[in-house]
Amino acid sequence: MTVVGPFGLSVRDQALETDVQTGLAAVEEGLLDATKSEVPFITEAAQHLIRAGGKRFRPLLVMLAAQFGDPHAPGIVPSAVVVELTHLATLYHDDVMDEADVRRGVPSANTRWGNSVAVLTGDFLFARASHILADLGPEAVRVQAEAFERLVTGQILETAGPREGQEPVGHYLDVIAGKTGSLIAVSGRFGAMMSGADESVVDILTQYGERLGTAFQLADDVLDIASDSHESGKTPGTDLREGIPTLPVLLLRAQAAEHGRPDDVELCELLDGDLTDDALLAEVLRRLRVHPALEQARRDTIRYAEGARASLAPLPECYAKSALEELCDAVVHRAG
């Protein structure tokens, strides 16, 4: 058994390990090539988060999904570069919206160069992704466009908040299906599609990616509260400080509304306060880390990861399928 990739996936087959490692190395080279500009400053800004590292979760999923067809087909690595560039671009924009100071353990682009440069760098990455995508054919362009629409819709839904009478947790799951699930679903879809896998396999791996994407975001929600910055690569409580609803907080608020326990009501009031105060944020984090809502969020993460695993059932038994199943375990492990 060998561990491959920054995400720490265990691979039990030498040929699969070689394919994945070779593919991820080619993706890394492709990311650097795609972010070069004739203007040195643009290159520096565009490669800022690439050089900071990252899990390369989406390219890894592309490589594993490609195992169900021809894993060496020419469109696989470029499609993985497209999804990772798109993801990176959203990080630049997210950090502006969230006023985040740290990303992947380094100062965020908006902290280092200001909001305008960060937004424009994200746009530059979208442009470079589109350029690569154009060579992958009209179907790939359509798939990416639909996913990007869902991604942006999810961001708008998050910004607008629940409709009148809409249940907040249900609204939130709609948000993350768009913001996170859509692009991870495309990773599974591109890997299978570009490898020439059967359409039924493409559909299965798309559904798998969608469910795993939800689990992945819920794990991030838990990490925002439960981890330190060394584990998560960003400042703990960033989402809390910005008032971004996450599953543990929504579950807490639901419990406070239903049962009215004084400690829960008080914690909700603290969450509504000025969390730019470091001491107050630390107190909120301390109390959330021992609250049952955090454990419930962990259980929900496991439930979605198990749903992703179950969706793989129709696929033939092989090392790639086992690796995809272990990827579910890896996502759950991030949530503790």
C-alpha atoms as a PDB file:
ATOM      1  CA  MET A   1       0.000   0.000   0.000  1.00  0.00           C
ATOM      2  CA  THR A   2       1.397   3.387  -1.035  1.00  0.00           C
ATOM      3  CA  VAL A   3       0.157   6.845  -0.118  1.00  0.00           C
ATOM      4  CA  VAL A   4      -0.086   9.157  -3.119  1.00  0.00           C
ATOM      5  CA  GLY A   5      -0.897  12.832  -3.479  1.00  0.00           C
ATOM      6  CA  PRO A   6      -1.119  15.561  -0.857  1.00  0.00           C
ATOM      7  CA  PHE A   7      -4.559  14.236   0.080  1.00  0.00           C
ATOM      8  CA  GLY A   8      -2.954  11.056   1.428  1.00  0.00           C
ATOM      9  CA  LEU A   9      -4.891   8.460  -0.566  1.00  0.00           C
ATOM     10  CA  SER A  10      -3.787   4.843  -0.133  1.00  0.00           C
ATOM     11  CA  VAL A  11      -3.241   2.916  -3.377  1.00  0.00           C
ATOM     12  CA  ARG A  12      -2.732  -0.865  -3.372  1.00  0.00           C
ATOM     13  CA  ASP A  13      -1.730  -1.425  -7.003  1.00  0.00           C
ATOM     14  CA  GLN A  14       1.581  -0.449  -8.564  1.00  0.00           C
ATOM     15  CA  ALA A  15       0.117   0.304 -12.003  1.00  0.00           C
ATOM     16  CA  LEU A  16      -2.619   2.504 -10.529  1.00  0.00           C
ATOM     17  CA  GLU A  17      -0.111   4.271  -8.325  1.00  0.00           C
ATOM     18  CA  THR A  18       2.101   4.988 -11.324  1.00  0.00           C
ATOM     19  CA  ASP A  19      -0.819   6.297 -13.391  1.00  0.00           C
ATOM     20  CA  VAL A  20      -2.037   8.574 -10.599  1.00  0.00           C
ATOM     21  CA  GLN A  21       1.408   9.887  -9.674  1.00  0.00           C
ATOM     22  CA  THR A  22       2.327  10.505 -13.302  1.00  0.00           C
ATOM     23  CA  GLY A  23      -1.004  12.202 -13.961  1.00  0.00           C
ATOM     24  CA  LEU A  24      -0.776  14.469 -10.922  1.00  0.00           C
ATOM     25  CA  ALA A  25       2.787  15.461 -11.835  1.00  0.00           C
ATOM     26  CA  ALA A  26       1.603  16.356 -15.333  1.00  0.00           C
ATOM     27  CA  VAL A  27      -1.270  18.380 -13.858  1.00  0.00           C
ATOM     28  CA  GLU A  28       1.183  20.300 -11.667  1.00  0.00           C
ATOM     29  CA  GLU A  29       3.299  21.121 -14.699  1.00  0.00           C
ATOM     30  CA  GLY A  30       0.163  22.067 -16.623  1.00  0.00           C
ATOM     31  CA  LEU A  31      -0.969  24.428 -13.872  1.00  0.00           C
ATOM     32  CA  LEU A  32       2.342  26.268 -13.915  1.00  0.00           C
ATOM     33  CA  ASP A  33       2.351  26.468 -17.714  1.00  0.00           C
ATOM     34  CA  ALA A  34      -1.230  27.723 -17.795  1.00  0.00           C
ATOM     35  CA  THR A  35      -0.504  30.520 -15.326  1.00  0.00           C
ATOM     36  CA  LYS A  36       2.515  31.993 -17.072  1.00  0.00           C
ATOM     37  CA  SER A  37       2.087  35.460 -18.492  1.00  0.00           C
ATOM     38  CA  GLU A  38       4.273  37.854 -20.432  1.00  0.00           C
ATOM     39  CA  VAL A  39       3.744  40.155 -17.465  1.00  0.00           C
ATOM     40  CA  PRO A  40       5.880  38.829 -14.562  1.00  0.00           C
ATOM     41  CA  PHE A  41       3.600  40.296 -11.895  1.00  0.00           C
ATOM     42  CA  ILE A  42       0.597  38.416 -13.319  1.00  0.00           C
ATOM     43  CA  THR A  43       2.593  35.186 -13.285  1.00  0.00           C
ATOM     44  CA  GLU A  44       3.546  35.762  -9.650  1.00  0.00           C
ATOM     45  CA  ALA A  45      -0.016  36.487  -8.575  1.00  0.00           C
ATOM     46  CA  ALA A  46      -1.530  33.651 -10.630  1.00  0.00           C
ATOM     47  CA  GLN A  47       0.934  31.092  -9.265  1.00  0.00           C
ATOM     48  CA  HIS A  48       0.675  32.326  -5.672  1.00  0.00           C
ATOM     49  CA  LEU A  49      -1.771  29.656  -4.487  1.00  0.00           C
ATOM     50  CA  ILE A  50      -0.427  26.958  -6.808  1.00  0.00           C
ATOM     51  CA  ARG A  51       3.005  27.224  -5.224  1.00  0.00           C
ATOM     52  CA  ALA A  52       1.427  27.311  -1.752  1.00  0.00           C
ATOM     53  CA  GLY A  53       0.414  23.680  -2.288  1.00  0.00           C
ATOM     54  CA  GLY A  54      -3.036  22.232  -1.824  1.00  0.00           C
ATOM     55  CA  LYS A  55      -4.613  18.806  -1.848  1.00  0.00           C
ATOM     56  CA  ARG A  56      -5.257  18.613  -5.631  1.00  0.00           C
ATOM     57  CA  PHE A  57      -8.398  16.722  -4.659  1.00  0.00           C
ATOM     58  CA  ARG A  58     -10.196  17.434  -7.939  1.00  0.00           C
ATOM     59  CA  PRO A  59      -7.308  16.354 -10.226  1.00  0.00           C
ATOM     60  CA  LEU A  60      -6.932  13.214  -8.118  1.00  0.00           C
ATOM     61  CA  LEU A  61     -10.587  12.394  -8.734  1.00  0.00           C
ATOM     62  CA  VAL A  62     -10.122  12.986 -12.480  1.00  0.00           C
ATOM     63  CA  MET A  63      -7.204  10.524 -12.510  1.00  0.00           C
ATOM     64  CA  LEU A  64      -9.120   7.842 -10.616  1.00  0.00           C
ATOM     65  CA  ALA A  65     -12.271   8.218 -12.726  1.00  0.00           C
ATOM     66  CA  ALA A  66     -10.162   7.867 -15.872  1.00  0.00           C
ATOM     67  CA  GLN A  67      -9.224   4.344 -14.789  1.00  0.00           C
ATOM     68  CA  PHE A  68     -12.637   3.133 -15.975  1.00  0.00           C
ATOM     69  CA  GLY A  69     -11.661   3.846 -19.580  1.00  0.00           C
ATOM     70  CA  ASP A  70      -8.300   4.617 -21.164  1.00  0.00           C
ATOM     71  CA  PRO A  71      -6.323   6.342 -18.351  1.00  0.00           C
ATOM     72  CA  HIS A  72      -3.789   7.650 -20.849  1.00  0.00           C
ATOM     73  CA  ALA A  73      -6.261   9.381 -23.178  1.00  0.00           C
ATOM     74  CA  PRO A  74      -5.019  12.840 -24.224  1.00  0.00           C
ATOM     75  CA  GLY A  75      -7.849  14.886 -22.689  1.00  0.00           C
ATOM     76  CA  ILE A  76      -7.477  13.648 -19.120  1.00  0.00           C
ATOM     77  CA  VAL A  77      -4.628  15.831 -17.843  1.00  0.00           C
ATOM     78  CA  PRO A  78      -5.921  19.027 -19.537  1.00  0.00           C
ATOM     79  CA  SER A  79      -9.394  18.485 -18.077  1.00  0.00           C
ATOM     80  CA  ALA A  80      -7.849  18.052 -14.618  1.00  0.00           C
ATOM     81  CA  VAL A  81      -5.957  21.312 -15.107  1.00  0.00           C
ATOM     82  CA  VAL A  82      -9.238  23.009 -16.075  1.00  0.00           C
ATOM     83  CA  VAL A  83     -11.072  21.941 -12.929  1.00  0.00           C
ATOM     84  CA  GLU A  84      -8.165  22.881 -10.660  1.00  0.00           C
ATOM     85  CA  LEU A  85      -7.711  26.288 -12.324  1.00  0.00           C
ATOM     86  CA  THR A  86     -11.431  26.920 -11.895  1.00  0.00           C
ATOM     87  CA  HIS A  87     -11.236  25.925  -8.244  1.00  0.00           C
ATOM     88  CA  LEU A  88      -8.195  28.137  -7.682  1.00  0.00           C
ATOM     89  CA  ALA A  89      -9.954  31.089  -9.305  1.00  0.00           C
ATOM     90  CA  THR A  90     -12.876  30.724  -6.906  1.00  0.00           C
ATOM     91  CA  LEU A  91     -10.449  30.771  -3.962  1.00  0.00           C
ATOM     92  CA  TYR A  92      -9.106  34.170  -5.013  1.00  0.00           C
ATOM     93  CA  HIS A  93     -12.653  35.504  -5.224  1.00  0.00           C
ATOM     94  CA  ASP A  94     -13.808  33.791  -2.010  1.00  0.00           C
ATOM     95  CA  ASP A  95     -10.969  35.310  -0.022  1.00  0.00           C
ATOM     96  CA  VAL A  96     -11.988  38.786  -1.168  1.00  0.00           C
ATOM     97  CA  MET A  97     -15.611  38.188  -0.208  1.00  0.00           C
ATOM     98  CA  ASP A  98     -14.629  36.647   3.128  1.00  0.00           C
ATOM     99  CA  GLU A  99     -11.831  39.158   3.809  1.00  0.00           C
ATOM    100  CA  ALA A 100      -9.628  36.162   4.611  1.00  0.00           C
ATOM    101  CA  ASP A 101      -6.034  36.794   5.665  1.00  0.00           C
ATOM    102  CA  VAL A 102      -4.606  33.296   5.123  1.00  0.00           C
ATOM    103  CA  ARG A 103      -5.050  30.641   2.458  1.00  0.00           C
ATOM    104  CA  ARG A 104      -3.102  27.376   2.342  1.00  0.00           C
ATOM    105  CA  GLY A 105      -0.840  28.604   5.110  1.00  0.00           C
ATOM    106  CA  VAL A 106       0.300  31.739   3.249  1.00  0.00           C
ATOM    107  CA  PRO A 107      -1.067  35.294   3.104  1.00  0.00           C
ATOM    108  CA  SER A 108      -4.096  35.388   0.812  1.00  0.00           C
ATOM    109  CA  ALA A 109      -3.755  37.268  -2.474  1.00  0.00           C
ATOM    110  CA  ASN A 110      -6.077  40.019  -1.260  1.00  0.00           C
ATOM    111  CA  THR A 111      -3.933  40.489   1.853  1.00  0.00           C
ATOM    112  CA  ARG A 112      -0.734  40.617  -0.168  1.00  0.00           C
ATOM    113  CA  TRP A 113      -1.828  42.701  -3.170  1.00  0.00           C
ATOM    114  CA  GLY A 114      -5.304  44.038  -2.402  1.00  0.00           C
ATOM    115  CA  ASN A 115      -8.808  43.124  -3.475  1.00  0.00           C
ATOM    116  CA  SER A 116      -8.598  44.388  -7.045  1.00  0.00           C
ATOM    117  CA  VAL A 117      -5.540  42.318  -7.919  1.00  0.00           C
ATOM    118  CA  ALA A 118      -7.051  39.236  -6.254  1.00  0.00           C
ATOM    119  CA  VAL A 119     -10.307  39.518  -8.199  1.00  0.00           C
ATOM    120  CA  LEU A 120      -8.536  40.145 -11.499  1.00  0.00           C
ATOM    121  CA  THR A 121      -6.155  37.245 -10.894  1.00  0.00           C
ATOM    122  CA  GLY A 122      -9.144  34.974 -10.370  1.00  0.00           C
ATOM    123  CA  ASP A 123     -10.551  36.240 -13.670  1.00  0.00           C
ATOM    124  CA  PHE A 124      -7.208  35.531 -15.343  1.00  0.00           C
ATOM    125  CA  LEU A 125      -7.335  31.930 -14.117  1.00  0.00           C
ATOM    126  CA  PHE A 126     -10.893  31.540 -15.438  1.00  0.00           C
ATOM    127  CA  ALA A 127      -9.695  32.819 -18.820  1.00  0.00           C
ATOM    128  CA  ARG A 128      -6.803  30.365 -18.944  1.00  0.00           C
ATOM    129  CA  ALA A 129      -9.111  27.490 -17.973  1.00  0.00           C
ATOM    130  CA  SER A 130     -11.480  28.455 -20.789  1.00  0.00           C
ATOM    131  CA  HIS A 131      -8.607  28.506 -23.273  1.00  0.00           C
ATOM    132  CA  ILE A 132      -7.651  24.917 -22.394  1.00  0.00           C
ATOM    133  CA  LEU A 133     -11.292  23.838 -22.355  1.00  0.00           C
ATOM    134  CA  ALA A 134     -11.835  25.047 -25.914  1.00  0.00           C
ATOM    135  CA  ASP A 135      -9.476  22.309 -27.152  1.00  0.00           C
ATOM    136  CA  LEU A 136     -11.447  19.569 -25.354  1.00  0.00           C
ATOM    137  CA  GLY A 137     -14.555  19.882 -27.502  1.00  0.00           C
ATOM    138  CA  PRO A 138     -18.060  21.348 -27.293  1.00  0.00           C
ATOM    139  CA  GLU A 139     -19.383  18.730 -24.866  1.00  0.00           C
ATOM    140  CA  ALA A 140     -16.634  19.556 -22.369  1.00  0.00           C
ATOM    141  CA  VAL A 141     -17.396  23.260 -22.770  1.00  0.00           C
ATOM    142  CA  ARG A 142     -21.088  22.599 -22.093  1.00  0.00           C
ATOM    143  CA  VAL A 143     -20.375  20.475 -19.002  1.00  0.00           C
ATOM    144  CA  GLN A 144     -18.037  23.099 -17.565  1.00  0.00           C
ATOM    145  CA  ALA A 145     -20.441  25.946 -18.338  1.00  0.00           C
ATOM    146  CA  GLU A 146     -23.299  24.190 -16.555  1.00  0.00           C
ATOM    147  CA  ALA A 147     -21.091  23.478 -13.559  1.00  0.00           C
ATOM    148  CA  PHE A 148     -19.860  27.069 -13.443  1.00  0.00           C
ATOM    149  CA  GLU A 149     -23.433  28.328 -13.535  1.00  0.00           C
ATOM    150  CA  ARG A 150     -24.279  26.075 -10.593  1.00  0.00           C
ATOM    151  CA  LEU A 151     -21.180  27.234  -8.737  1.00  0.00           C
ATOM    152  CA  VAL A 152     -22.082  30.900  -9.125  1.00  0.00           C
ATOM    153  CA  THR A 153     -25.726  30.209  -8.298  1.00  0.00           C
ATOM    154  CA  GLY A 154     -24.610  28.559  -5.069  1.00  0.00           C
ATOM    155  CA  GLN A 155     -22.539  31.600  -4.175  1.00  0.00           C
ATOM    156  CA  ILE A 156     -25.472  33.930  -4.881  1.00  0.00           C
ATOM    157  CA  LEU A 157     -27.831  31.761  -2.818  1.00  0.00           C
ATOM    158  CA  GLU A 158     -25.356  31.931   0.065  1.00  0.00           C
ATOM    159  CA  THR A 159     -25.150  35.699  -0.217  1.00  0.00           C
ATOM    160  CA  ALA A 160     -28.927  36.167  -0.490  1.00  0.00           C
ATOM    161  CA  GLY A 161     -29.803  33.766   2.333  1.00  0.00           C
ATOM    162  CA  PRO A 162     -32.849  31.496   2.684  1.00  0.00           C
ATOM    163  CA  ARG A 163     -36.174  32.497   1.151  1.00  0.00           C
ATOM    164  CA  GLU A 164     -39.075  33.358   3.422  1.00  0.00           C
ATOM    165  CA  GLY A 165     -40.102  30.160   5.186  1.00  0.00           C
ATOM    166  CA  GLN A 166     -37.234  28.098   3.776  1.00  0.00           C
ATOM    167  CA  GLU A 167     -35.531  25.773   6.229  1.00  0.00           C
ATOM    168  CA  PRO A 168     -31.947  27.076   6.746  1.00  0.00           C
ATOM    169  CA  VAL A 169     -30.199  23.700   6.714  1.00  0.00           C
ATOM    170  CA  GLY A 170     -31.944  22.702   3.474  1.00  0.00           C
ATOM    171  CA  HIS A 171     -30.987  26.044   1.945  1.00  0.00           C
ATOM    172  CA  TYR A 172     -27.397  25.530   3.019  1.00  0.00           C
ATOM    173  CA  LEU A 173     -27.208  22.085   1.437  1.00  0.00           C
ATOM    174  CA  ASP A 174     -28.451  23.644  -1.811  1.00  0.00           C
ATOM    175  CA  VAL A 175     -25.676  26.226  -1.509  1.00  0.00           C
ATOM    176  CA  ILE A 176     -22.877  23.717  -1.096  1.00  0.00           C
ATOM    177  CA  ALA A 177     -24.242  21.435  -3.811  1.00  0.00           C
ATOM    178  CA  GLY A 178     -23.655  24.384  -6.136  1.00  0.00           C
ATOM    179  CA  LYS A 179     -20.509  25.902  -4.667  1.00  0.00           C
ATOM    180  CA  THR A 180     -18.608  22.674  -4.018  1.00  0.00           C
ATOM    181  CA  GLY A 181     -20.486  19.654  -5.330  1.00  0.00           C
ATOM    182  CA  SER A 182     -20.761  20.950  -8.886  1.00  0.00           C
ATOM    183  CA  LEU A 183     -17.034  21.148  -9.603  1.00  0.00           C
ATOM    184  CA  ILE A 184     -16.178  17.895  -7.834  1.00  0.00           C
ATOM    185  CA  ALA A 185     -18.946  16.210  -9.850  1.00  0.00           C
ATOM    186  CA  VAL A 186     -17.334  17.590 -13.014  1.00  0.00           C
ATOM    187  CA  SER A 187     -14.003  16.106 -11.911  1.00  0.00           C
ATOM    188  CA  GLY A 188     -15.532  12.633 -11.859  1.00  0.00           C
ATOM    189  CA  ARG A 189     -17.373  13.320 -15.094  1.00  0.00           C
ATOM    190  CA  PHE A 190     -14.362  14.637 -16.991  1.00  0.00           C
ATOM    191  CA  GLY A 191     -12.136  11.757 -15.902  1.00  0.00           C
ATOM    192  CA  ALA A 192     -14.637   9.152 -17.077  1.00  0.00           C
ATOM    193  CA  MET A 193     -15.732  11.071 -20.170  1.00  0.00           C
ATOM    194  CA  MET A 194     -12.241  11.879 -21.409  1.00  0.00           C
ATOM    195  CA  SER A 195     -11.162   8.265 -20.912  1.00  0.00           C
ATOM    196  CA  GLY A 196     -13.985   7.019 -23.127  1.00  0.00           C
ATOM    197  CA  ALA A 197     -15.798   5.145 -20.346  1.00  0.00           C
ATOM    198  CA  ASP A 198     -19.384   3.976 -20.905  1.00  0.00           C
ATOM    199  CA  GLU A 199     -22.053   6.623 -20.385  1.00  0.00           C
ATOM    200  CA  SER A 200     -23.458   4.673 -17.423  1.00  0.00           C
ATOM    201  CA  VAL A 201     -20.037   4.849 -15.756  1.00  0.00           C
ATOM    202  CA  VAL A 202     -19.818   8.573 -16.497  1.00  0.00           C
ATOM    203  CA  ASP A 203     -23.169   9.076 -14.775  1.00  0.00           C
ATOM    204  CA  ILE A 204     -22.156   7.009 -11.733  1.00  0.00           C
ATOM    205  CA  LEU A 205     -18.894   8.906 -11.245  1.00  0.00           C
ATOM    206  CA  THR A 206     -20.678  12.231 -11.690  1.00  0.00           C
ATOM    207  CA  GLN A 207     -23.160  11.295  -8.959  1.00  0.00           C
ATOM    208  CA  TYR A 208     -20.318  10.048  -6.771  1.00  0.00           C
ATOM    209  CA  GLY A 209     -18.495  13.366  -7.152  1.00  0.00           C
ATOM    210  CA  GLU A 210     -21.631  15.335  -6.311  1.00  0.00           C
ATOM    211  CA  ARG A 211     -22.182  13.436  -3.064  1.00  0.00           C
ATOM    212  CA  LEU A 212     -18.518  13.407  -2.142  1.00  0.00           C
ATOM    213  CA  GLY A 213     -18.379  17.148  -2.800  1.00  0.00           C
ATOM    214  CA  THR A 214     -21.080  17.767  -0.215  1.00  0.00           C
ATOM    215  CA  ALA A 215     -19.221  15.594   2.301  1.00  0.00           C
ATOM    216  CA  PHE A 216     -16.001  17.462   1.462  1.00  0.00           C
ATOM    217  CA  GLN A 217     -17.579  20.850   2.228  1.00  0.00           C
ATOM    218  CA  LEU A 218     -19.202  19.612   5.427  1.00  0.00           C
ATOM    219  CA  ALA A 219     -15.771  18.366   6.528  1.00  0.00           C
ATOM    220  CA  ASP A 220     -14.441  21.868   5.844  1.00  0.00           C
ATOM    221  CA  ASP A 221     -17.233  23.278   8.011  1.00  0.00           C
ATOM    222  CA  VAL A 222     -16.081  21.076  10.868  1.00  0.00           C
ATOM    223  CA  LEU A 223     -12.442  22.026  10.228  1.00  0.00           C
ATOM    224  CA  ASP A 224     -13.247  25.755  10.424  1.00  0.00           C
ATOM    225  CA  ILE A 225     -14.202  25.189  14.043  1.00  0.00           C
ATOM    226  CA  ALA A 226     -12.274  22.120  15.190  1.00  0.00           C
ATOM    227  CA  SER A 227      -8.824  22.513  13.601  1.00  0.00           C
ATOM    228  CA  ASP A 228      -5.885  24.814  14.010  1.00  0.00           C
ATOM    229  CA  SER A 229      -4.448  26.774  11.081  1.00  0.00           C
ATOM    230  CA  HIS A 230      -1.682  24.192  10.578  1.00  0.00           C
ATOM    231  CA  GLU A 231      -4.251  21.492   9.798  1.00  0.00           C
ATOM    232  CA  SER A 232      -6.627  23.496   7.622  1.00  0.00           C
ATOM    233  CA  GLY A 233      -4.304  26.010   5.946  1.00  0.00           C
ATOM    234  CA  LYS A 234      -6.574  28.880   6.893  1.00  0.00           C
ATOM    235  CA  THR A 235      -7.339  30.794  10.058  1.00  0.00           C
ATOM    236  CA  PRO A 236      -9.757  28.902  12.344  1.00  0.00           C
ATOM    237  CA  GLY A 237     -13.111  30.636  12.644  1.00  0.00           C
ATOM    238  CA  THR A 238     -12.778  32.470   9.322  1.00  0.00           C
ATOM    239  CA  ASP A 239     -16.322  31.524   8.336  1.00  0.00           C
ATOM    240  CA  LEU A 240     -17.633  32.398  11.814  1.00  0.00           C
ATOM    241  CA  ARG A 241     -15.949  35.789  11.738  1.00  0.00           C
ATOM    242  CA  GLU A 242     -17.458  36.617   8.373  1.00  0.00           C
ATOM    243  CA  GLY A 243     -20.925  35.469   9.399  1.00  0.00           C
ATOM    244  CA  ILE A 244     -20.911  32.711   6.773  1.00  0.00           C
ATOM    245  CA  PRO A 245     -23.448  30.050   7.770  1.00  0.00           C
ATOM    246  CA  THR A 246     -21.944  26.592   8.174  1.00  0.00           C
ATOM    247  CA  LEU A 247     -23.629  23.371   9.205  1.00  0.00           C
ATOM    248  CA  PRO A 248     -22.515  23.318  12.882  1.00  0.00           C
ATOM    249  CA  VAL A 249     -23.776  26.880  13.377  1.00  0.00           C
ATOM    250  CA  LEU A 250     -27.075  26.181  11.606  1.00  0.00           C
ATOM    251  CA  LEU A 251     -27.594  23.086  13.739  1.00  0.00           C
ATOM    252  CA  LEU A 252     -26.830  25.101  16.875  1.00  0.00           C
ATOM    253  CA  ARG A 253     -29.338  27.774  15.897  1.00  0.00           C
ATOM    254  CA  ALA A 254     -31.986  25.134  15.176  1.00  0.00           C
ATOM    255  CA  GLN A 255     -31.434  23.578  18.596  1.00  0.00           C
ATOM    256  CA  ALA A 256     -31.576  26.968  20.292  1.00  0.00           C
ATOM    257  CA  ALA A 257     -34.840  27.809  18.515  1.00  0.00           C
ATOM    258  CA  GLU A 258     -36.418  24.437  19.302  1.00  0.00           C
ATOM    259  CA  HIS A 259     -35.322  23.917  22.899  1.00  0.00           C
ATOM    260  CA  GLY A 260     -34.371  27.400  24.106  1.00  0.00           C
ATOM    261  CA  ARG A 261     -31.533  26.208  26.321  1.00  0.00           C
ATOM    262  CA  PRO A 262     -29.900  29.307  27.868  1.00  0.00           C
ATOM    263  CA  ASP A 263     -26.344  28.247  26.955  1.00  0.00           C
ATOM    264  CA  ASP A 264     -27.358  27.726  23.321  1.00  0.00           C
ATOM    265  CA  VAL A 265     -29.187  31.040  23.150  1.00  0.00           C
ATOM    266  CA  GLU A 266     -26.193  32.814  24.665  1.00  0.00           C
ATOM    267  CA  LEU A 267     -23.812  31.171  22.188  1.00  0.00           C
ATOM    268  CA  CYS A 268     -26.036  32.286  19.302  1.00  0.00           C
ATOM    269  CA  GLU A 269     -25.916  35.835  20.659  1.00  0.00           C
ATOM    270  CA  LEU A 270     -22.132  35.656  20.777  1.00  0.00           C
ATOM    271  CA  LEU A 271     -22.109  34.464  17.168  1.00  0.00           C
ATOM    272  CA  ASP A 272     -24.169  37.516  16.246  1.00  0.00           C
ATOM    273  CA  GLY A 273     -21.681  39.798  17.994  1.00  0.00           C
ATOM    274  CA  ASP A 274     -18.453  41.375  16.813  1.00  0.00           C
ATOM    275  CA  LEU A 275     -16.208  38.411  16.081  1.00  0.00           C
ATOM    276  CA  THR A 276     -13.414  40.637  14.834  1.00  0.00           C
ATOM    277  CA  ASP A 277     -12.485  40.622  18.531  1.00  0.00           C
ATOM    278  CA  ASP A 278      -9.924  37.806  18.796  1.00  0.00           C
ATOM    279  CA  ALA A 279     -10.798  37.004  22.404  1.00  0.00           C
ATOM    280  CA  LEU A 280     -14.497  36.730  21.613  1.00  0.00           C
ATOM    281  CA  LEU A 281     -13.821  34.544  18.582  1.00  0.00           C
ATOM    282  CA  ALA A 282     -11.624  32.275  20.713  1.00  0.00           C
ATOM    283  CA  GLU A 283     -14.418  31.921  23.277  1.00  0.00           C
ATOM    284  CA  VAL A 284     -16.975  31.083  20.579  1.00  0.00           C
ATOM    285  CA  LEU A 285     -14.636  28.479  19.082  1.00  0.00           C
ATOM    286  CA  ARG A 286     -13.998  26.952  22.511  1.00  0.00           C
ATOM    287  CA  ARG A 287     -17.713  26.539  23.177  1.00  0.00           C
ATOM    288  CA  LEU A 288     -18.555  25.253  19.709  1.00  0.00           C
ATOM    289  CA  ARG A 289     -15.816  22.627  19.893  1.00  0.00           C
ATOM    290  CA  VAL A 290     -17.605  20.906  22.776  1.00  0.00           C
ATOM    291  CA  HIS A 291     -21.161  21.502  21.551  1.00  0.00           C
ATOM    292  CA  PRO A 292     -23.274  18.552  20.289  1.00  0.00           C
ATOM    293  CA  ALA A 293     -23.939  20.476  17.051  1.00  0.00           C
ATOM    294  CA  LEU A 294     -20.333  19.900  15.990  1.00  0.00           C
ATOM    295  CA  GLU A 295     -20.654  16.164  16.519  1.00  0.00           C
ATOM    296  CA  GLN A 296     -23.928  16.162  14.581  1.00  0.00           C
ATOM    297  CA  ALA A 297     -22.130  17.909  11.697  1.00  0.00           C
ATOM    298  CA  ARG A 298     -19.492  15.175  11.788  1.00  0.00           C
ATOM    299  CA  ARG A 299     -22.212  12.511  11.581  1.00  0.00           C
ATOM    300  CA  ASP A 300     -23.801  14.286   8.616  1.00  0.00           C
ATOM    301  CA  THR A 301     -20.399  14.374   6.898  1.00  0.00           C
ATOM    302  CA  ILE A 302     -20.117  10.613   7.343  1.00  0.00           C
ATOM    303  CA  ARG A 303     -23.653  10.128   5.997  1.00  0.00           C
ATOM    304  CA  TYR A 304     -22.903  11.979   2.752  1.00  0.00           C
ATOM    305  CA  ALA A 305     -19.569  10.194   2.359  1.00  0.00           C
ATOM    306  CA  GLU A 306     -21.323   6.859   2.781  1.00  0.00           C
ATOM    307  CA  GLY A 307     -23.852   7.948   0.138  1.00  0.00           C
ATOM    308  CA  ALA A 308     -20.957   8.603  -2.230  1.00  0.00           C
ATOM    309  CA  ARG A 309     -19.533   5.173  -1.479  1.00  0.00           C
ATOM    310  CA  ALA A 310     -22.901   3.499  -2.087  1.00  0.00           C
ATOM    311  CA  SER A 311     -23.217   5.153  -5.499  1.00  0.00           C
ATOM    312  CA  LEU A 312     -20.130   3.205  -6.641  1.00  0.00           C
ATOM    313  CA  ALA A 313     -21.838  -0.173  -6.114  1.00  0.00           C
ATOM    314  CA  PRO A 314     -22.657  -0.821  -9.810  1.00  0.00           C
ATOM    315  CA  LEU A 315     -19.008  -0.392 -10.855  1.00  0.00           C
ATOM    316  CA  PRO A 316     -16.853  -3.495 -11.331  1.00  0.00           C
ATOM    317  CA  GLU A 317     -14.512  -4.410  -8.497  1.00  0.00           C
ATOM    318  CA  CYS A 318     -11.041  -3.060  -9.205  1.00  0.00           C
ATOM    319  CA  TYR A 319      -8.244  -1.132  -7.555  1.00  0.00           C
ATOM    320  CA  ALA A 320      -9.607   2.193  -8.836  1.00  0.00           C
ATOM    321  CA  LYS A 321     -12.986   1.532  -7.251  1.00  0.00           C
ATOM    322  CA  SER A 322     -11.281   0.661  -3.954  1.00  0.00           C
ATOM    323  CA  ALA A 323      -9.323   3.919  -4.142  1.00  0.00           C
ATOM    324  CA  LEU A 324     -12.528   5.903  -4.701  1.00  0.00           C
ATOM    325  CA  GLU A 325     -14.047   4.180  -1.674  1.00  0.00           C
ATOM    326  CA  GLU A 326     -10.984   5.082   0.380  1.00  0.00           C
ATOM    327  CA  LEU A 327     -11.333   8.663  -0.779  1.00  0.00           C
ATOM    328  CA  CYS A 328     -14.652   8.708   1.099  1.00  0.00           C
ATOM    329  CA  ASP A 329     -12.793   7.606   4.229  1.00  0.00           C
ATOM    330  CA  ALA A 330     -10.170  10.298   3.701  1.00  0.00           C
ATOM    331  CA  VAL A 331     -12.829  13.013   3.530  1.00  0.00           C
ATOM    332  CA  VAL A 332     -14.446  11.747   6.743  1.00  0.00           C
ATOM    333  CA  HIS A 333     -11.034  11.623   8.449  1.00  0.00           C
ATOM    334  CA  ARG A 334     -10.588  15.342   7.778  1.00  0.00           C
ATOM    335  CA  ALA A 335     -13.673  15.972   9.906  1.00  0.00           C
ATOM    336  CA  GLY A 336     -12.198  14.022  12.784  1.00  0.00           C
END
